[in-house]
Amino acid sequence: MMRSIRFDPLAETDLIEIADYYDNLRDGLGREFLREFTGAMERIVRRPESYRLLERPFHFCGLRRFKYNVIYRLDPEQILVLMIVHQMRHPDTWKKRRNR
């Protein structure tokens, strides 16, 4: 079954801010980040249970080129993207958003 994807509003803000940050470093780098993020989301949709479990029902998928993790909650009907967080942040950073 294909689950729908929904973004927490703060996750949308994360995505925009990260893409803007990379574009400020180099023109077009933000688009490259978004392309990699989109690829990660496609992999998550295909096999959402296959990514590492943080704490049921939360999983994460690391991006390959950029050092970010996509934190998501796996529900029966949907995948909720909770946060996009740099891999060097404290591992429990995502817990501040889990009850949203």
PDB file of N, CA and C in Angstrom:
ATOM      1  N   MET A   1       0.837  -1.175   0.000  1.00  0.00           N
ATOM      2  CA  MET A   1       0.000   0.000   0.000  1.00  0.00           C
ATOM      3  C   MET A   1       0.891   1.251   0.000  1.00  0.00           C
ATOM      4  N   MET A   2       0.562   2.190  -0.861  1.00  0.00           N
ATOM      5  CA  MET A   2       1.295   3.459  -0.920  1.00  0.00           C
ATOM      6  C   MET A   2       0.660   4.434   0.070  1.00  0.00           C
ATOM      7  N   ARG A   3       1.456   4.916   0.973  1.00  0.00           N
ATOM      8  CA  ARG A   3       0.980   5.908   1.935  1.00  0.00           C
ATOM      9  C   ARG A   3       1.152   7.305   1.350  1.00  0.00           C
ATOM     10  N   SER A   4       0.269   8.194   1.730  1.00  0.00           N
ATOM     11  CA  SER A   4       0.424   9.590   1.325  1.00  0.00           C
ATOM     12  C   SER A   4       1.498  10.238   2.203  1.00  0.00           C
ATOM     13  N   ILE A   5       2.044  11.340   1.720  1.00  0.00           N
ATOM     14  CA  ILE A   5       3.070  12.071   2.463  1.00  0.00           C
ATOM     15  C   ILE A   5       2.483  13.400   2.923  1.00  0.00           C
ATOM     16  N   ARG A   6       2.758  13.722   4.169  1.00  0.00           N
ATOM     17  CA  ARG A   6       2.352  15.009   4.711  1.00  0.00           C
ATOM     18  C   ARG A   6       3.561  15.594   5.431  1.00  0.00           C
ATOM     19  N   PHE A   7       3.716  16.902   5.338  1.00  0.00           N
ATOM     20  CA  PHE A   7       4.832  17.591   5.992  1.00  0.00           C
ATOM     21  C   PHE A   7       4.317  18.399   7.170  1.00  0.00           C
ATOM     22  N   ASP A   8       4.958  18.225   8.306  1.00  0.00           N
ATOM     23  CA  ASP A   8       4.738  19.135   9.421  1.00  0.00           C
ATOM     24  C   ASP A   8       5.165  20.519   8.931  1.00  0.00           C
ATOM     25  N   PRO A   9       4.446  21.576   9.267  1.00  0.00           N
ATOM     26  CA  PRO A   9       4.834  22.916   8.816  1.00  0.00           C
ATOM     27  C   PRO A   9       6.281  23.283   9.165  1.00  0.00           C
ATOM     28  N   LEU A  10       6.764  22.839  10.309  1.00  0.00           N
ATOM     29  CA  LEU A  10       8.149  23.129  10.672  1.00  0.00           C
ATOM     30  C   LEU A  10       9.138  22.371   9.784  1.00  0.00           C
ATOM     31  N   ALA A  11       8.753  21.194   9.305  1.00  0.00           N
ATOM     32  CA  ALA A  11       9.612  20.447   8.378  1.00  0.00           C
ATOM     33  C   ALA A  11       9.691  21.180   7.037  1.00  0.00           C
ATOM     34  N   GLU A  12       8.591  21.772   6.611  1.00  0.00           N
ATOM     35  CA  GLU A  12       8.618  22.581   5.388  1.00  0.00           C
ATOM     36  C   GLU A  12       9.577  23.752   5.550  1.00  0.00           C
ATOM     37  N   THR A  13       9.543  24.379   6.721  1.00  0.00           N
ATOM     38  CA  THR A  13      10.459  25.480   7.014  1.00  0.00           C
ATOM     39  C   THR A  13      11.903  24.983   7.009  1.00  0.00           C
ATOM     40  N   ASP A  14      12.148  23.813   7.614  1.00  0.00           N
ATOM     41  CA  ASP A  14      13.497  23.220   7.588  1.00  0.00           C
ATOM     42  C   ASP A  14      13.995  23.100   6.154  1.00  0.00           C
ATOM     43  N   LEU A  15      13.156  22.548   5.294  1.00  0.00           N
ATOM     44  CA  LEU A  15      13.536  22.288   3.905  1.00  0.00           C
ATOM     45  C   LEU A  15      13.894  23.582   3.176  1.00  0.00           C
ATOM     46  N   ILE A  16      13.075  24.595   3.331  1.00  0.00           N
ATOM     47  CA  ILE A  16      13.312  25.888   2.668  1.00  0.00           C
ATOM     48  C   ILE A  16      14.594  26.525   3.193  1.00  0.00           C
ATOM     49  N   GLU A  17      14.764  26.512   4.506  1.00  0.00           N
ATOM     50  CA  GLU A  17      15.949  27.136   5.093  1.00  0.00           C
ATOM     51  C   GLU A  17      17.241  26.431   4.671  1.00  0.00           C
ATOM     52  N   ILE A  18      17.215  25.116   4.613  1.00  0.00           N
ATOM     53  CA  ILE A  18      18.409  24.361   4.218  1.00  0.00           C
ATOM     54  C   ILE A  18      18.738  24.636   2.747  1.00  0.00           C
ATOM     55  N   ALA A  19      17.729  24.604   1.885  1.00  0.00           N
ATOM     56  CA  ALA A  19      17.953  24.880   0.459  1.00  0.00           C
ATOM     57  C   ALA A  19      18.493  26.295   0.269  1.00  0.00           C
ATOM     58  N   ASP A  20      17.931  27.263   0.990  1.00  0.00           N
ATOM     59  CA  ASP A  20      18.425  28.649   0.908  1.00  0.00           C
ATOM     60  C   ASP A  20      19.871  28.747   1.378  1.00  0.00           C
ATOM     61  N   TYR A  21      20.185  28.055   2.457  1.00  0.00           N
ATOM     62  CA  TYR A  21      21.558  28.060   2.979  1.00  0.00           C
ATOM     63  C   TYR A  21      22.530  27.572   1.900  1.00  0.00           C
ATOM     64  N   TYR A  22      22.197  26.456   1.259  1.00  0.00           N
ATOM     65  CA  TYR A  22      23.095  25.920   0.230  1.00  0.00           C
ATOM     66  C   TYR A  22      23.166  26.826  -0.993  1.00  0.00           C
ATOM     67  N   ASP A  23      22.055  27.445  -1.347  1.00  0.00           N
ATOM     68  CA  ASP A  23      22.087  28.387  -2.479  1.00  0.00           C
ATOM     69  C   ASP A  23      22.968  29.595  -2.171  1.00  0.00           C
ATOM     70  N   ASN A  24      23.007  30.013  -0.915  1.00  0.00           N
ATOM     71  CA  ASN A  24      23.882  31.118  -0.532  1.00  0.00           C
ATOM     72  C   ASN A  24      25.349  30.726  -0.585  1.00  0.00           C
ATOM     73  N   LEU A  25      25.631  29.441  -0.398  1.00  0.00           N
ATOM     74  CA  LEU A  25      27.012  28.967  -0.517  1.00  0.00           C
ATOM     75  C   LEU A  25      27.465  28.941  -1.974  1.00  0.00           C
ATOM     76  N   ARG A  26      26.561  28.450  -2.832  1.00  0.00           N
ATOM     77  CA  ARG A  26      26.863  28.360  -4.251  1.00  0.00           C
ATOM     78  C   ARG A  26      25.553  28.280  -5.029  1.00  0.00           C
ATOM     79  N   ASP A  27      25.434  29.107  -6.037  1.00  0.00           N
ATOM     80  CA  ASP A  27      24.223  29.114  -6.856  1.00  0.00           C
ATOM     81  C   ASP A  27      23.953  27.721  -7.420  1.00  0.00           C
ATOM     82  N   GLY A  28      22.761  27.233  -7.204  1.00  0.00           N
ATOM     83  CA  GLY A  28      22.360  25.925  -7.707  1.00  0.00           C
ATOM     84  C   GLY A  28      22.536  24.790  -6.712  1.00  0.00           C
ATOM     85  N   LEU A  29      23.309  25.016  -5.659  1.00  0.00           N
ATOM     86  CA  LEU A  29      23.528  23.952  -4.673  1.00  0.00           C
ATOM     87  C   LEU A  29      22.243  23.633  -3.908  1.00  0.00           C
ATOM     88  N   GLY A  30      21.411  24.632  -3.692  1.00  0.00           N
ATOM     89  CA  GLY A  30      20.118  24.396  -3.040  1.00  0.00           C
ATOM     90  C   GLY A  30      19.242  23.479  -3.871  1.00  0.00           C
ATOM     91  N   ARG A  31      19.253  23.646  -5.191  1.00  0.00           N
ATOM     92  CA  ARG A  31      18.485  22.749  -6.079  1.00  0.00           C
ATOM     93  C   ARG A  31      19.030  21.328  -6.010  1.00  0.00           C
ATOM     94  N   GLU A  32      20.356  21.201  -5.902  1.00  0.00           N
ATOM     95  CA  GLU A  32      20.952  19.870  -5.771  1.00  0.00           C
ATOM     96  C   GLU A  32      20.512  19.210  -4.469  1.00  0.00           C
ATOM     97  N   PHE A  33      20.467  19.997  -3.399  1.00  0.00           N
ATOM     98  CA  PHE A  33      19.977  19.472  -2.131  1.00  0.00           C
ATOM     99  C   PHE A  33      18.527  18.999  -2.274  1.00  0.00           C
ATOM    100  N   LEU A  34      17.680  19.830  -2.891  1.00  0.00           N
ATOM    101  CA  LEU A  34      16.266  19.461  -3.064  1.00  0.00           C
ATOM    102  C   LEU A  34      16.110  18.215  -3.927  1.00  0.00           C
ATOM    103  N   ARG A  35      16.954  18.071  -4.929  1.00  0.00           N
ATOM    104  CA  ARG A  35      16.904  16.877  -5.779  1.00  0.00           C
ATOM    105  C   ARG A  35      17.247  15.632  -4.955  1.00  0.00           C
ATOM    106  N   GLU A  36      18.274  15.734  -4.126  1.00  0.00           N
ATOM    107  CA  GLU A  36      18.628  14.591  -3.278  1.00  0.00           C
ATOM    108  C   GLU A  36      17.535  14.306  -2.253  1.00  0.00           C
ATOM    109  N   PHE A  37      16.961  15.349  -1.682  1.00  0.00           N
ATOM    110  CA  PHE A  37      15.867  15.172  -0.730  1.00  0.00           C
ATOM    111  C   PHE A  37      14.696  14.454  -1.403  1.00  0.00           C
ATOM    112  N   THR A  38      14.361  14.867  -2.620  1.00  0.00           N
ATOM    113  CA  THR A  38      13.268  14.229  -3.361  1.00  0.00           C
ATOM    114  C   THR A  38      13.555  12.744  -3.588  1.00  0.00           C
ATOM    115  N   GLY A  39      14.790  12.421  -3.924  1.00  0.00           N
ATOM    116  CA  GLY A  39      15.165  11.015  -4.090  1.00  0.00           C
ATOM    117  C   GLY A  39      14.997  10.225  -2.803  1.00  0.00           C
ATOM    118  N   ALA A  40      15.380  10.827  -1.686  1.00  0.00           N
ATOM    119  CA  ALA A  40      15.200  10.163  -0.391  1.00  0.00           C
ATOM    120  C   ALA A  40      13.721   9.925  -0.108  1.00  0.00           C
ATOM    121  N   MET A  41      12.888  10.917  -0.418  1.00  0.00           N
ATOM    122  CA  MET A  41      11.448  10.756  -0.192  1.00  0.00           C
ATOM    123  C   MET A  41      10.878   9.644  -1.070  1.00  0.00           C
ATOM    124  N   GLU A  42      11.349   9.537  -2.290  1.00  0.00           N
ATOM    125  CA  GLU A  42      10.883   8.455  -3.173  1.00  0.00           C
ATOM    126  C   GLU A  42      11.263   7.093  -2.586  1.00  0.00           C
ATOM    127  N   ARG A  43      12.464   6.993  -2.026  1.00  0.00           N
ATOM    128  CA  ARG A  43      12.884   5.730  -1.401  1.00  0.00           C
ATOM    129  C   ARG A  43      12.040   5.437  -0.162  1.00  0.00           C
ATOM    130  N   ILE A  44      11.760   6.462   0.624  1.00  0.00           N
ATOM    131  CA  ILE A  44      10.939   6.282   1.826  1.00  0.00           C
ATOM    132  C   ILE A  44       9.543   5.789   1.443  1.00  0.00           C
ATOM    133  N   VAL A  45       8.945   6.394   0.428  1.00  0.00           N
ATOM    134  CA  VAL A  45       7.589   6.002   0.014  1.00  0.00           C
ATOM    135  C   VAL A  45       7.571   4.539  -0.433  1.00  0.00           C
ATOM    136  N   ARG A  46       8.605   4.119  -1.153  1.00  0.00           N
ATOM    137  CA  ARG A  46       8.646   2.735  -1.642  1.00  0.00           C
ATOM    138  C   ARG A  46       8.818   1.721  -0.514  1.00  0.00           C
ATOM    139  N   ARG A  47       9.643   2.053   0.485  1.00  0.00           N
ATOM    140  CA  ARG A  47       9.935   1.096   1.552  1.00  0.00           C
ATOM    141  C   ARG A  47      10.058   1.806   2.902  1.00  0.00           C
ATOM    142  N   PRO A  48       8.976   2.360   3.400  1.00  0.00           N
ATOM    143  CA  PRO A  48       9.051   3.184   4.619  1.00  0.00           C
ATOM    144  C   PRO A  48       9.506   2.430   5.864  1.00  0.00           C
ATOM    145  N   GLU A  49       9.210   1.149   5.941  1.00  0.00           N
ATOM    146  CA  GLU A  49       9.583   0.375   7.129  1.00  0.00           C
ATOM    147  C   GLU A  49      11.049  -0.018   7.130  1.00  0.00           C
ATOM    148  N   SER A  50      11.732   0.148   6.005  1.00  0.00           N
ATOM    149  CA  SER A  50      13.106  -0.351   5.903  1.00  0.00           C
ATOM    150  C   SER A  50      14.147   0.594   6.503  1.00  0.00           C
ATOM    151  N   TYR A  51      13.749   1.786   6.863  1.00  0.00           N
ATOM    152  CA  TYR A  51      14.711   2.730   7.419  1.00  0.00           C
ATOM    153  C   TYR A  51      14.752   2.625   8.934  1.00  0.00           C
ATOM    154  N   ARG A  52      15.868   3.030   9.460  1.00  0.00           N
ATOM    155  CA  ARG A  52      16.161   2.836  10.877  1.00  0.00           C
ATOM    156  C   ARG A  52      15.074   3.424  11.777  1.00  0.00           C
ATOM    157  N   LEU A  53      14.719   2.640  12.755  1.00  0.00           N
ATOM    158  CA  LEU A  53      13.707   3.027  13.734  1.00  0.00           C
ATOM    159  C   LEU A  53      14.375   3.816  14.851  1.00  0.00           C
ATOM    160  N   LEU A  54      13.833   4.995  15.123  1.00  0.00           N
ATOM    161  CA  LEU A  54      14.316   5.791  16.255  1.00  0.00           C
ATOM    162  C   LEU A  54      13.619   5.337  17.524  1.00  0.00           C
ATOM    163  N   GLU A  55      12.307   5.326  17.425  1.00  0.00           N
ATOM    164  CA  GLU A  55      11.425   4.961  18.529  1.00  0.00           C
ATOM    165  C   GLU A  55      10.059   4.831  17.875  1.00  0.00           C
ATOM    166  N   ARG A  56       9.446   3.690  17.992  1.00  0.00           N
ATOM    167  CA  ARG A  56       8.195   3.443  17.276  1.00  0.00           C
ATOM    168  C   ARG A  56       7.204   4.570  17.478  1.00  0.00           C
ATOM    169  N   PRO A  57       6.621   5.137  16.467  1.00  0.00           N
ATOM    170  CA  PRO A  57       6.619   4.849  15.031  1.00  0.00           C
ATOM    171  C   PRO A  57       7.545   5.769  14.218  1.00  0.00           C
ATOM    172  N   PHE A  58       8.620   6.296  14.816  1.00  0.00           N
ATOM    173  CA  PHE A  58       9.491   7.264  14.146  1.00  0.00           C
ATOM    174  C   PHE A  58      10.709   6.584  13.519  1.00  0.00           C
ATOM    175  N   HIS A  59      10.982   6.956  12.278  1.00  0.00           N
ATOM    176  CA  HIS A  59      12.121   6.427  11.523  1.00  0.00           C
ATOM    177  C   HIS A  59      12.954   7.597  11.008  1.00  0.00           C
ATOM    178  N   PHE A  60      14.156   7.258  10.501  1.00  0.00           N
ATOM    179  CA  PHE A  60      14.913   8.295   9.801  1.00  0.00           C
ATOM    180  C   PHE A  60      15.635   7.706   8.607  1.00  0.00           C
ATOM    181  N   CYS A  61      15.830   8.572   7.620  1.00  0.00           N
ATOM    182  CA  CYS A  61      16.537   8.230   6.389  1.00  0.00           C
ATOM    183  C   CYS A  61      17.604   9.296   6.173  1.00  0.00           C
ATOM    184  N   GLY A  62      18.848   8.882   6.066  1.00  0.00           N
ATOM    185  CA  GLY A  62      19.936   9.821   5.823  1.00  0.00           C
ATOM    186  C   GLY A  62      20.073  10.133   4.341  1.00  0.00           C
ATOM    187  N   LEU A  63      20.354  11.392   4.045  1.00  0.00           N
ATOM    188  CA  LEU A  63      20.653  11.758   2.666  1.00  0.00           C
ATOM    189  C   LEU A  63      22.059  11.266   2.345  1.00  0.00           C
ATOM    190  N   ARG A  64      22.324  11.025   1.090  1.00  0.00           N
ATOM    191  CA  ARG A  64      23.602  10.442   0.706  1.00  0.00           C
ATOM    192  C   ARG A  64      24.716  11.474   0.585  1.00  0.00           C
ATOM    193  N   ARG A  65      24.462  12.568  -0.074  1.00  0.00           N
ATOM    194  CA  ARG A  65      25.505  13.573  -0.306  1.00  0.00           C
ATOM    195  C   ARG A  65      25.549  14.633   0.784  1.00  0.00           C
ATOM    196  N   PHE A  66      24.395  15.053   1.217  1.00  0.00           N
ATOM    197  CA  PHE A  66      24.292  16.099   2.227  1.00  0.00           C
ATOM    198  C   PHE A  66      24.084  15.437   3.587  1.00  0.00           C
ATOM    199  N   LYS A  67      24.649  16.006   4.597  1.00  0.00           N
ATOM    200  CA  LYS A  67      24.638  15.392   5.935  1.00  0.00           C
ATOM    201  C   LYS A  67      23.371  15.731   6.719  1.00  0.00           C
ATOM    202  N   TYR A  68      22.242  15.310   6.183  1.00  0.00           N
ATOM    203  CA  TYR A  68      20.953  15.553   6.830  1.00  0.00           C
ATOM    204  C   TYR A  68      20.172  14.252   6.934  1.00  0.00           C
ATOM    205  N   ASN A  69      19.328  14.185   7.945  1.00  0.00           N
ATOM    206  CA  ASN A  69      18.399  13.071   8.125  1.00  0.00           C
ATOM    207  C   ASN A  69      16.976  13.570   7.966  1.00  0.00           C
ATOM    208  N   VAL A  70      16.146  12.757   7.354  1.00  0.00           N
ATOM    209  CA  VAL A  70      14.716  13.001   7.274  1.00  0.00           C
ATOM    210  C   VAL A  70      14.085  12.161   8.377  1.00  0.00           C
ATOM    211  N   ILE A  71      13.476  12.825   9.335  1.00  0.00           N
ATOM    212  CA  ILE A  71      12.798  12.139  10.441  1.00  0.00           C
ATOM    213  C   ILE A  71      11.315  12.089  10.087  1.00  0.00           C
ATOM    214  N   TYR A  72      10.743  10.887  10.139  1.00  0.00           N
ATOM    215  CA  TYR A  72       9.328  10.756   9.777  1.00  0.00           C
ATOM    216  C   TYR A  72       8.610   9.779  10.694  1.00  0.00           C
ATOM    217  N   ARG A  73       7.312  10.009  10.800  1.00  0.00           N
ATOM    218  CA  ARG A  73       6.439   9.127  11.570  1.00  0.00           C
ATOM    219  C   ARG A  73       5.661   8.287  10.582  1.00  0.00           C
ATOM    220  N   LEU A  74       5.677   7.006  10.804  1.00  0.00           N
ATOM    221  CA  LEU A  74       4.981   6.080   9.928  1.00  0.00           C
ATOM    222  C   LEU A  74       3.630   5.733  10.539  1.00  0.00           C
ATOM    223  N   ASP A  75       2.578   6.220   9.912  1.00  0.00           N
ATOM    224  CA  ASP A  75       1.204   5.946  10.333  1.00  0.00           C
ATOM    225  C   ASP A  75       0.586   4.973   9.333  1.00  0.00           C
ATOM    226  N   PRO A  76      -0.516   4.335   9.685  1.00  0.00           N
ATOM    227  CA  PRO A  76      -1.131   3.376   8.762  1.00  0.00           C
ATOM    228  C   PRO A  76      -1.493   3.973   7.396  1.00  0.00           C
ATOM    229  N   GLU A  77      -1.939   5.212   7.369  1.00  0.00           N
ATOM    230  CA  GLU A  77      -2.408   5.825   6.125  1.00  0.00           C
ATOM    231  C   GLU A  77      -1.418   6.801   5.510  1.00  0.00           C
ATOM    232  N   GLN A  78      -0.429   7.258   6.284  1.00  0.00           N
ATOM    233  CA  GLN A  78       0.440   8.313   5.766  1.00  0.00           C
ATOM    234  C   GLN A  78       1.838   8.255   6.377  1.00  0.00           C
ATOM    235  N   ILE A  79       2.723   9.008   5.738  1.00  0.00           N
ATOM    236  CA  ILE A  79       4.064   9.261   6.239  1.00  0.00           C
ATOM    237  C   ILE A  79       4.101  10.743   6.586  1.00  0.00           C
ATOM    238  N   LEU A  80       4.361  11.048   7.843  1.00  0.00           N
ATOM    239  CA  LEU A  80       4.453  12.439   8.275  1.00  0.00           C
ATOM    240  C   LEU A  80       5.925  12.800   8.404  1.00  0.00           C
ATOM    241  N   VAL A  81       6.400  13.717   7.559  1.00  0.00           N
ATOM    242  CA  VAL A  81       7.772  14.210   7.665  1.00  0.00           C
ATOM    243  C   VAL A  81       7.777  15.221   8.802  1.00  0.00           C
ATOM    244  N   LEU A  82       8.505  14.881   9.837  1.00  0.00           N
ATOM    245  CA  LEU A  82       8.513  15.661  11.060  1.00  0.00           C
ATOM    246  C   LEU A  82       9.625  16.710  11.073  1.00  0.00           C
ATOM    247  N   MET A  83      10.782  16.335  10.498  1.00  0.00           N
ATOM    248  CA  MET A  83      11.945  17.210  10.628  1.00  0.00           C
ATOM    249  C   MET A  83      13.013  16.804   9.621  1.00  0.00           C
ATOM    250  N   ILE A  84      13.752  17.782   9.154  1.00  0.00           N
ATOM    251  CA  ILE A  84      14.959  17.543   8.375  1.00  0.00           C
ATOM    252  C   ILE A  84      16.069  18.157   9.209  1.00  0.00           C
ATOM    253  N   VAL A  85      16.978  17.335   9.685  1.00  0.00           N
ATOM    254  CA  VAL A  85      17.944  17.776  10.691  1.00  0.00           C
ATOM    255  C   VAL A  85      19.362  17.359  10.297  1.00  0.00           C
ATOM    256  N   HIS A  86      20.318  18.247  10.567  1.00  0.00           N
ATOM    257  CA  HIS A  86      21.717  17.956  10.280  1.00  0.00           C
ATOM    258  C   HIS A  86      22.171  16.785  11.150  1.00  0.00           C
ATOM    259  N   GLN A  87      22.992  15.932  10.590  1.00  0.00           N
ATOM    260  CA  GLN A  87      23.431  14.727  11.294  1.00  0.00           C
ATOM    261  C   GLN A  87      24.331  15.016  12.489  1.00  0.00           C
ATOM    262  N   MET A  88      24.872  16.229  12.573  1.00  0.00           N
ATOM    263  CA  MET A  88      25.722  16.573  13.707  1.00  0.00           C
ATOM    264  C   MET A  88      24.937  17.158  14.888  1.00  0.00           C
ATOM    265  N   ARG A  89      23.639  17.368  14.708  1.00  0.00           N
ATOM    266  CA  ARG A  89      22.808  17.851  15.820  1.00  0.00           C
ATOM    267  C   ARG A  89      22.671  16.736  16.851  1.00  0.00           C
ATOM    268  N   HIS A  90      22.318  17.102  18.059  1.00  0.00           N
ATOM    269  CA  HIS A  90      22.122  16.116  19.114  1.00  0.00           C
ATOM    270  C   HIS A  90      21.085  15.089  18.654  1.00  0.00           C
ATOM    271  N   PRO A  91      21.333  13.802  18.878  1.00  0.00           N
ATOM    272  CA  PRO A  91      20.414  12.759  18.389  1.00  0.00           C
ATOM    273  C   PRO A  91      18.973  12.889  18.877  1.00  0.00           C
ATOM    274  N   ASP A  92      18.751  13.554  20.001  1.00  0.00           N
ATOM    275  CA  ASP A  92      17.389  13.676  20.532  1.00  0.00           C
ATOM    276  C   ASP A  92      16.669  14.941  20.089  1.00  0.00           C
ATOM    277  N   THR A  93      17.268  15.726  19.200  1.00  0.00           N
ATOM    278  CA  THR A  93      16.664  16.983  18.738  1.00  0.00           C
ATOM    279  C   THR A  93      15.247  16.769  18.220  1.00  0.00           C
ATOM    280  N   TRP A  94      15.033  15.672  17.516  1.00  0.00           N
ATOM    281  CA  TRP A  94      13.735  15.412  16.897  1.00  0.00           C
ATOM    282  C   TRP A  94      12.623  15.243  17.931  1.00  0.00           C
ATOM    283  N   LYS A  95      12.955  14.851  19.153  1.00  0.00           N
ATOM    284  CA  LYS A  95      11.938  14.564  20.151  1.00  0.00           C
ATOM    285  C   LYS A  95      11.107  15.786  20.529  1.00  0.00           C
ATOM    286  N   LYS A  96      11.649  16.972  20.308  1.00  0.00           N
ATOM    287  CA  LYS A  96      10.900  18.197  20.605  1.00  0.00           C
ATOM    288  C   LYS A  96       9.686  18.346  19.697  1.00  0.00           C
ATOM    289  N   ARG A  97       9.708  17.680  18.553  1.00  0.00           N
ATOM    290  CA  ARG A  97       8.598  17.808  17.594  1.00  0.00           C
ATOM    291  C   ARG A  97       7.707  16.567  17.530  1.00  0.00           C
ATOM    292  N   ARG A  98       8.032  15.534  18.192  1.00  0.00           N
ATOM    293  CA  ARG A  98       7.320  14.274  17.996  1.00  0.00           C
ATOM    294  C   ARG A  98       5.854  14.285  18.390  1.00  0.00           C
ATOM    295  N   ASN A  99       5.445  15.185  19.247  1.00  0.00           N
ATOM    296  CA  ASN A  99       4.051  15.214  19.686  1.00  0.00           C
ATOM    297  C   ASN A  99       3.185  16.158  18.875  1.00  0.00           C
ATOM    298  N   ARG A 100       3.708  16.668  17.784  1.00  0.00           N
ATOM    299  CA  ARG A 100       2.965  17.596  16.937  1.00  0.00           C
ATOM    300  C   ARG A 100       1.942  16.858  16.118  1.00  0.00           C
TER     301      ARG A 100
END
